[in-house]
Amino acid sequence: MITRSKLVEQLRDYQIRSQHKCPSLTVFSPKPLLSTWIDVAVAVFWASICATLLISSYVALYLTHYWISFFLLCITILVPVRLRISRLSFARKRDRRLLLPLSM
């Protein structure tokens, strides 16, 4: 059953999501929403780390260091995966906090 509080929460989430200035950076953010400039700075930091690792793997591949290139490429893939896992855990914590009764 749809309650009024769920509708209000969905509307608030939609409004927050619609205010994103750079939705492509949410891939590199450890938080589900980019609400502050600090969150944007962290996302830019992780995006630059991934770009640096990717370029380094291409350079290692060009210099025929295949294992180093493979290792750097694996790390480059694992960074966004780990950030996605942390985003999901933040979302679960937020949802769990919203489900607590008001008496607590």
N, C-alpha and C. Protein backbone atom coordinates (compact mmCIF):
# COMPACT_ATOMS: atom_id res chain seq x y z
N MET A 1 0.84 -1.18 0.00
CA MET A 1 0.00 0.00 0.00
C MET A 1 0.89 1.24 0.00
N ILE A 2 0.55 2.18 -0.81
CA ILE A 2 1.32 3.41 -0.91
C ILE A 2 0.83 4.38 0.15
N THR A 3 1.76 4.79 0.99
CA THR A 3 1.41 5.74 2.04
C THR A 3 1.91 7.12 1.67
N ARG A 4 1.43 8.08 2.39
CA ARG A 4 1.80 9.46 2.12
C ARG A 4 3.28 9.70 2.38
N SER A 5 3.82 9.08 3.42
CA SER A 5 5.23 9.27 3.74
C SER A 5 6.13 8.70 2.65
N LYS A 6 5.74 7.57 2.05
CA LYS A 6 6.53 7.01 0.95
C LYS A 6 6.51 7.92 -0.26
N LEU A 7 5.35 8.50 -0.54
CA LEU A 7 5.26 9.43 -1.67
C LEU A 7 6.12 10.67 -1.44
N VAL A 8 6.11 11.17 -0.20
CA VAL A 8 6.92 12.34 0.13
C VAL A 8 8.40 12.00 -0.01
N GLU A 9 8.79 10.81 0.45
CA GLU A 9 10.19 10.40 0.35
C GLU A 9 10.62 10.24 -1.11
N GLN A 10 9.74 9.66 -1.94
CA GLN A 10 10.07 9.50 -3.35
C GLN A 10 10.18 10.85 -4.03
N LEU A 11 9.31 11.79 -3.68
CA LEU A 11 9.38 13.13 -4.27
C LEU A 11 10.66 13.83 -3.85
N ARG A 12 11.06 13.69 -2.59
CA ARG A 12 12.30 14.30 -2.12
C ARG A 12 13.51 13.71 -2.83
N ASP A 13 13.53 12.39 -2.99
CA ASP A 13 14.63 11.75 -3.72
C ASP A 13 14.68 12.20 -5.17
N TYR A 14 13.52 12.33 -5.79
CA TYR A 14 13.48 12.79 -7.18
C TYR A 14 13.99 14.22 -7.30
N GLN A 15 13.61 15.07 -6.37
CA GLN A 15 14.07 16.45 -6.40
C GLN A 15 15.57 16.54 -6.20
N ILE A 16 16.10 15.73 -5.31
CA ILE A 16 17.55 15.73 -5.07
C ILE A 16 18.28 15.23 -6.31
N ARG A 17 17.76 14.16 -6.93
CA ARG A 17 18.40 13.62 -8.13
C ARG A 17 18.33 14.59 -9.30
N SER A 18 17.25 15.36 -9.38
CA SER A 18 17.11 16.28 -10.51
C SER A 18 18.03 17.49 -10.37
N GLN A 19 18.59 17.72 -9.18
CA GLN A 19 19.48 18.85 -8.96
C GLN A 19 20.94 18.52 -9.29
N HIS A 20 21.21 17.31 -9.74
CA HIS A 20 22.59 16.94 -10.04
C HIS A 20 23.15 17.79 -11.16
N LYS A 21 24.32 18.30 -10.94
CA LYS A 21 25.00 19.08 -11.96
C LYS A 21 25.84 18.16 -12.86
N CYS A 22 26.31 17.05 -12.32
CA CYS A 22 27.16 16.14 -13.09
C CYS A 22 26.80 14.69 -12.75
N PRO A 23 25.74 14.15 -13.38
CA PRO A 23 25.31 12.80 -13.03
C PRO A 23 26.31 11.71 -13.44
N SER A 24 27.20 12.02 -14.38
CA SER A 24 28.17 10.99 -14.77
C SER A 24 29.20 10.75 -13.67
N LEU A 25 29.37 11.70 -12.76
CA LEU A 25 30.33 11.51 -11.67
C LEU A 25 29.79 10.60 -10.57
N THR A 26 28.51 10.30 -10.57
CA THR A 26 27.97 9.42 -9.53
C THR A 26 28.54 8.02 -9.62
N VAL A 27 29.10 7.66 -10.78
CA VAL A 27 29.75 6.35 -10.91
C VAL A 27 30.96 6.28 -10.00
N PHE A 28 31.65 7.41 -9.84
CA PHE A 28 32.89 7.43 -9.06
C PHE A 28 32.69 7.97 -7.64
N SER A 29 31.45 8.14 -7.23
CA SER A 29 31.18 8.66 -5.89
C SER A 29 30.90 7.52 -4.93
N PRO A 30 31.45 7.56 -3.72
CA PRO A 30 31.12 6.51 -2.75
C PRO A 30 29.74 6.70 -2.12
N LYS A 31 29.12 7.87 -2.31
CA LYS A 31 27.79 8.12 -1.78
C LYS A 31 26.77 8.07 -2.91
N PRO A 32 25.53 7.71 -2.59
CA PRO A 32 24.54 7.58 -3.66
C PRO A 32 24.14 8.91 -4.30
N LEU A 33 24.23 10.01 -3.57
CA LEU A 33 23.85 11.31 -4.10
C LEU A 33 24.99 12.31 -3.93
N LEU A 34 25.21 13.12 -4.94
CA LEU A 34 26.22 14.18 -4.86
C LEU A 34 25.53 15.43 -4.32
N SER A 35 25.51 15.57 -3.02
CA SER A 35 24.76 16.68 -2.43
C SER A 35 25.66 17.86 -2.07
N THR A 36 26.94 17.63 -1.82
CA THR A 36 27.84 18.72 -1.45
C THR A 36 29.02 18.76 -2.42
N TRP A 37 29.77 19.86 -2.33
CA TRP A 37 30.95 20.00 -3.17
C TRP A 37 32.05 19.03 -2.76
N ILE A 38 32.03 18.61 -1.52
CA ILE A 38 33.02 17.62 -1.07
C ILE A 38 32.77 16.29 -1.76
N ASP A 39 31.50 15.91 -1.90
CA ASP A 39 31.16 14.68 -2.62
C ASP A 39 31.61 14.75 -4.08
N VAL A 40 31.44 15.92 -4.69
CA VAL A 40 31.88 16.10 -6.07
C VAL A 40 33.40 16.01 -6.16
N ALA A 41 34.11 16.61 -5.19
CA ALA A 41 35.57 16.56 -5.19
C ALA A 41 36.07 15.13 -5.02
N VAL A 42 35.43 14.36 -4.17
CA VAL A 42 35.82 12.96 -3.98
C VAL A 42 35.57 12.17 -5.27
N ALA A 43 34.44 12.43 -5.94
CA ALA A 43 34.14 11.74 -7.19
C ALA A 43 35.15 12.11 -8.28
N VAL A 44 35.54 13.37 -8.35
CA VAL A 44 36.55 13.79 -9.33
C VAL A 44 37.89 13.14 -9.02
N PHE A 45 38.22 13.02 -7.74
CA PHE A 45 39.46 12.37 -7.34
C PHE A 45 39.48 10.91 -7.82
N TRP A 46 38.40 10.17 -7.55
CA TRP A 46 38.36 8.76 -7.96
C TRP A 46 38.33 8.62 -9.47
N ALA A 47 37.68 9.55 -10.16
CA ALA A 47 37.67 9.50 -11.62
C ALA A 47 39.07 9.74 -12.18
N SER A 48 39.81 10.67 -11.57
CA SER A 48 41.18 10.92 -12.04
C SER A 48 42.10 9.73 -11.73
N ILE A 49 41.88 9.08 -10.59
CA ILE A 49 42.67 7.88 -10.26
C ILE A 49 42.41 6.79 -11.30
N CYS A 50 41.14 6.58 -11.66
CA CYS A 50 40.81 5.55 -12.66
C CYS A 50 41.40 5.90 -14.02
N ALA A 51 41.34 7.17 -14.40
CA ALA A 51 41.91 7.58 -15.69
C ALA A 51 43.42 7.40 -15.69
N THR A 52 44.07 7.73 -14.58
CA THR A 52 45.52 7.55 -14.48
C THR A 52 45.91 6.08 -14.57
N LEU A 53 45.17 5.23 -13.89
CA LEU A 53 45.46 3.79 -13.96
C LEU A 53 45.23 3.24 -15.36
N LEU A 54 44.19 3.72 -16.02
CA LEU A 54 43.91 3.25 -17.37
C LEU A 54 45.01 3.68 -18.35
N ILE A 55 45.44 4.91 -18.25
CA ILE A 55 46.52 5.40 -19.12
C ILE A 55 47.82 4.66 -18.82
N SER A 56 48.08 4.40 -17.54
CA SER A 56 49.30 3.65 -17.18
C SER A 56 49.26 2.23 -17.73
N SER A 57 48.08 1.61 -17.72
CA SER A 57 48.00 0.26 -18.28
C SER A 57 48.24 0.27 -19.78
N TYR A 58 47.77 1.31 -20.48
CA TYR A 58 48.05 1.41 -21.91
C TYR A 58 49.54 1.64 -22.18
N VAL A 59 50.17 2.44 -21.37
CA VAL A 59 51.61 2.68 -21.53
C VAL A 59 52.39 1.39 -21.27
N ALA A 60 51.99 0.65 -20.22
CA ALA A 60 52.66 -0.62 -19.93
C ALA A 60 52.44 -1.63 -21.06
N LEU A 61 51.26 -1.60 -21.64
CA LEU A 61 51.00 -2.49 -22.77
C LEU A 61 51.84 -2.10 -23.99
N TYR A 62 52.00 -0.81 -24.21
CA TYR A 62 52.83 -0.32 -25.31
C TYR A 62 54.29 -0.73 -25.12
N LEU A 63 54.74 -0.73 -23.86
CA LEU A 63 56.13 -1.10 -23.56
C LEU A 63 56.28 -2.62 -23.38
N THR A 64 55.27 -3.37 -23.76
CA THR A 64 55.22 -4.84 -23.71
C THR A 64 55.45 -5.41 -22.32
N HIS A 65 54.92 -4.75 -21.31
CA HIS A 65 54.88 -5.30 -19.96
C HIS A 65 53.44 -5.77 -19.73
N TYR A 66 53.15 -6.97 -20.21
CA TYR A 66 51.78 -7.45 -20.25
C TYR A 66 51.19 -7.68 -18.87
N TRP A 67 51.97 -8.25 -17.96
CA TRP A 67 51.44 -8.54 -16.63
C TRP A 67 51.16 -7.26 -15.85
N ILE A 68 52.01 -6.28 -15.98
CA ILE A 68 51.78 -5.00 -15.30
C ILE A 68 50.53 -4.34 -15.88
N SER A 69 50.40 -4.40 -17.20
CA SER A 69 49.22 -3.82 -17.85
C SER A 69 47.94 -4.53 -17.39
N PHE A 70 47.98 -5.84 -17.33
CA PHE A 70 46.82 -6.61 -16.87
C PHE A 70 46.48 -6.28 -15.42
N PHE A 71 47.48 -6.17 -14.57
CA PHE A 71 47.28 -5.83 -13.16
C PHE A 71 46.65 -4.45 -13.01
N LEU A 72 47.17 -3.47 -13.73
CA LEU A 72 46.62 -2.11 -13.65
C LEU A 72 45.19 -2.05 -14.20
N LEU A 73 44.93 -2.80 -15.24
CA LEU A 73 43.59 -2.83 -15.79
C LEU A 73 42.60 -3.47 -14.82
N CYS A 74 43.02 -4.51 -14.13
CA CYS A 74 42.15 -5.14 -13.12
C CYS A 74 41.86 -4.17 -11.98
N ILE A 75 42.85 -3.44 -11.53
CA ILE A 75 42.63 -2.44 -10.47
C ILE A 75 41.68 -1.35 -10.96
N THR A 76 41.85 -0.94 -12.22
CA THR A 76 40.98 0.08 -12.79
C THR A 76 39.53 -0.38 -12.84
N ILE A 77 39.31 -1.65 -13.08
CA ILE A 77 37.95 -2.18 -13.10
C ILE A 77 37.41 -2.34 -11.68
N LEU A 78 38.26 -2.72 -10.74
CA LEU A 78 37.80 -2.97 -9.38
C LEU A 78 37.44 -1.70 -8.61
N VAL A 79 38.04 -0.56 -8.95
CA VAL A 79 37.75 0.68 -8.22
C VAL A 79 36.29 1.09 -8.36
N PRO A 80 35.71 1.19 -9.58
CA PRO A 80 34.29 1.55 -9.65
C PRO A 80 33.36 0.49 -9.06
N VAL A 81 33.78 -0.78 -9.15
CA VAL A 81 32.96 -1.84 -8.54
C VAL A 81 32.91 -1.66 -7.04
N ARG A 82 34.04 -1.37 -6.43
CA ARG A 82 34.09 -1.16 -4.98
C ARG A 82 33.30 0.09 -4.58
N LEU A 83 33.37 1.13 -5.39
CA LEU A 83 32.60 2.34 -5.10
C LEU A 83 31.10 2.06 -5.21
N ARG A 84 30.70 1.22 -6.14
CA ARG A 84 29.28 0.87 -6.25
C ARG A 84 28.82 0.09 -5.03
N ILE A 85 29.65 -0.80 -4.54
CA ILE A 85 29.30 -1.57 -3.34
C ILE A 85 29.14 -0.63 -2.15
N SER A 86 30.02 0.36 -2.02
CA SER A 86 29.90 1.30 -0.91
C SER A 86 28.66 2.18 -1.06
N ARG A 87 28.29 2.54 -2.32
CA ARG A 87 27.07 3.31 -2.54
C ARG A 87 25.85 2.51 -2.09
N LEU A 88 25.83 1.23 -2.40
CA LEU A 88 24.70 0.39 -2.01
C LEU A 88 24.62 0.23 -0.50
N SER A 89 25.77 0.15 0.16
CA SER A 89 25.74 0.02 1.63
C SER A 89 25.27 1.32 2.27
N PHE A 90 25.67 2.48 1.72
CA PHE A 90 25.16 3.75 2.23
C PHE A 90 23.64 3.84 2.05
N ALA A 91 23.15 3.38 0.91
CA ALA A 91 21.70 3.43 0.65
C ALA A 91 20.96 2.51 1.60
N ARG A 92 21.52 1.33 1.87
CA ARG A 92 20.88 0.42 2.82
C ARG A 92 20.84 1.01 4.21
N LYS A 93 21.94 1.66 4.62
CA LYS A 93 21.97 2.27 5.94
C LYS A 93 20.94 3.39 6.05
N ARG A 94 20.82 4.19 4.97
CA ARG A 94 19.85 5.28 4.99
C ARG A 94 18.43 4.74 5.07
N ASP A 95 18.13 3.68 4.30
CA ASP A 95 16.80 3.09 4.33
C ASP A 95 16.50 2.46 5.68
N ARG A 96 17.51 1.83 6.28
CA ARG A 96 17.32 1.21 7.58
C ARG A 96 17.05 2.27 8.64
N ARG A 97 17.73 3.40 8.53
CA ARG A 97 17.53 4.48 9.49
C ARG A 97 16.13 5.07 9.36
N LEU A 98 15.60 5.13 8.13
CA LEU A 98 14.27 5.67 7.92
C LEU A 98 13.18 4.73 8.41
N LEU A 99 13.49 3.44 8.53
CA LEU A 99 12.49 2.46 8.95
C LEU A 99 12.36 2.36 10.46
N LEU A 100 13.22 3.02 11.22
CA LEU A 100 13.11 2.94 12.67
C LEU A 100 11.85 3.63 13.15
N PRO A 101 11.22 3.09 14.19
CA PRO A 101 10.03 3.76 14.72
C PRO A 101 10.40 5.10 15.36
N LEU A 102 9.44 5.98 15.45
CA LEU A 102 9.70 7.31 15.97
C LEU A 102 10.05 7.30 17.45
N SER A 103 9.62 6.27 18.18
CA SER A 103 9.92 6.22 19.61
C SER A 103 11.40 5.99 19.87
N MET A 104 12.12 5.44 18.89
CA MET A 104 13.55 5.22 19.09
C MET A 104 14.26 6.48 18.76
